[in-house]
Protein backbone atom coordinates (compact mmCIF):
# COMPACT_ATOMS: atom_id res chain seq x y z
CA MET A 1 -3.81 -0.63 -15.06
CA SER A 2 -2.41 -4.03 -15.74
CA GLN A 3 -0.69 -6.88 -13.92
CA THR A 4 -1.33 -7.44 -10.19
CA SER A 5 0.51 -9.49 -7.57
CA LEU A 6 0.11 -10.10 -3.83
CA ALA A 7 2.64 -8.59 -1.48
CA MET A 8 3.36 -8.12 2.22
CA GLY A 9 4.87 -5.06 3.80
CA GLU A 10 4.98 -2.52 6.60
CA VAL A 11 3.45 0.95 6.53
CA GLU A 12 6.30 3.48 6.47
CA TYR A 13 4.39 6.78 6.24
CA VAL A 14 0.78 7.95 6.54
CA ASN A 15 -0.66 11.36 5.67
CA ALA A 16 -3.61 11.44 8.08
CA SER A 17 -5.40 14.29 6.32
CA SER A 18 -5.50 12.55 2.92
CA GLY A 19 -5.55 8.92 4.07
CA SER A 20 -2.61 8.07 1.82
CA GLY A 21 0.87 6.81 2.51
CA PHE A 22 3.69 4.47 1.59
CA ILE A 23 4.34 0.80 2.29
CA ALA A 24 7.80 -0.76 2.40
CA THR A 25 7.41 -4.13 0.70
CA ASP A 26 9.12 -7.33 1.76
CA ASP A 27 9.91 -8.14 -1.89
CA THR A 28 11.40 -4.95 -3.35
CA THR A 29 13.39 -1.91 -2.27
CA GLN A 30 10.81 0.48 -3.76
CA ASP A 31 8.05 1.79 -1.47
CA VAL A 32 4.51 1.51 -2.81
CA LEU A 33 1.92 4.30 -2.63
CA PHE A 34 -1.53 3.62 -1.19
CA VAL A 35 -4.56 5.90 -1.18
CA GLN A 36 -7.61 5.77 1.07
CA ASN A 37 -9.94 4.26 -1.54
CA GLY A 38 -7.49 1.34 -1.94
CA VAL A 39 -7.71 0.39 1.74
CA ILE A 40 -10.11 -2.21 3.14
CA GLY A 41 -11.34 -0.90 6.51
CA ALA A 42 -9.53 1.88 8.35
CA VAL A 43 -6.28 3.38 7.07
CA PRO A 44 -3.40 1.50 8.74
CA ASP A 45 -0.96 3.22 11.08
CA VAL A 46 2.80 3.55 10.66
CA GLY A 47 4.50 0.29 11.60
CA GLU A 48 1.52 -1.96 10.89
CA LYS A 49 2.01 -5.06 8.75
CA VAL A 50 -0.29 -5.18 5.72
CA GLU A 51 -1.15 -7.43 2.79
CA PHE A 52 -2.03 -5.87 -0.55
CA GLU A 53 -2.04 -6.16 -4.31
CA ILE A 54 0.49 -4.20 -6.36
CA VAL A 55 -1.06 -2.64 -9.44
CA GLN A 56 1.19 -1.08 -12.07
CA THR A 57 -0.15 2.34 -13.11
CA GLN A 58 1.21 5.07 -15.39
CA GLN A 59 2.44 6.85 -12.23
CA GLY A 60 4.20 3.71 -10.94
CA PRO A 61 3.24 0.88 -8.58
CA ARG A 62 0.20 1.41 -6.35
CA ALA A 63 -1.15 -0.69 -3.47
CA MET A 64 -4.78 -1.79 -3.73
CA ASN A 65 -6.97 -3.87 -1.42
CA VAL A 66 -4.68 -3.01 1.50
CA ARG A 67 -5.62 -4.89 4.68
CA ARG A 68 -3.99 -5.43 8.07
CA VAL A 69 -2.54 -8.85 8.86
């Protein structure tokens, strides 16, 4: 993992059984994956606004420290 940046977005999809999903960011056209262990508190619902860090991984961008706003 390398470079991080803060971002805002809206949860587009949540897989309730795995606690993962995708966030549409306000800054880019690419959705960002989040997983349950990257969420602060409860997993957000579809449509909720969130703040998070984007971490570049070998699999692509991932949301970390996801929290509701």
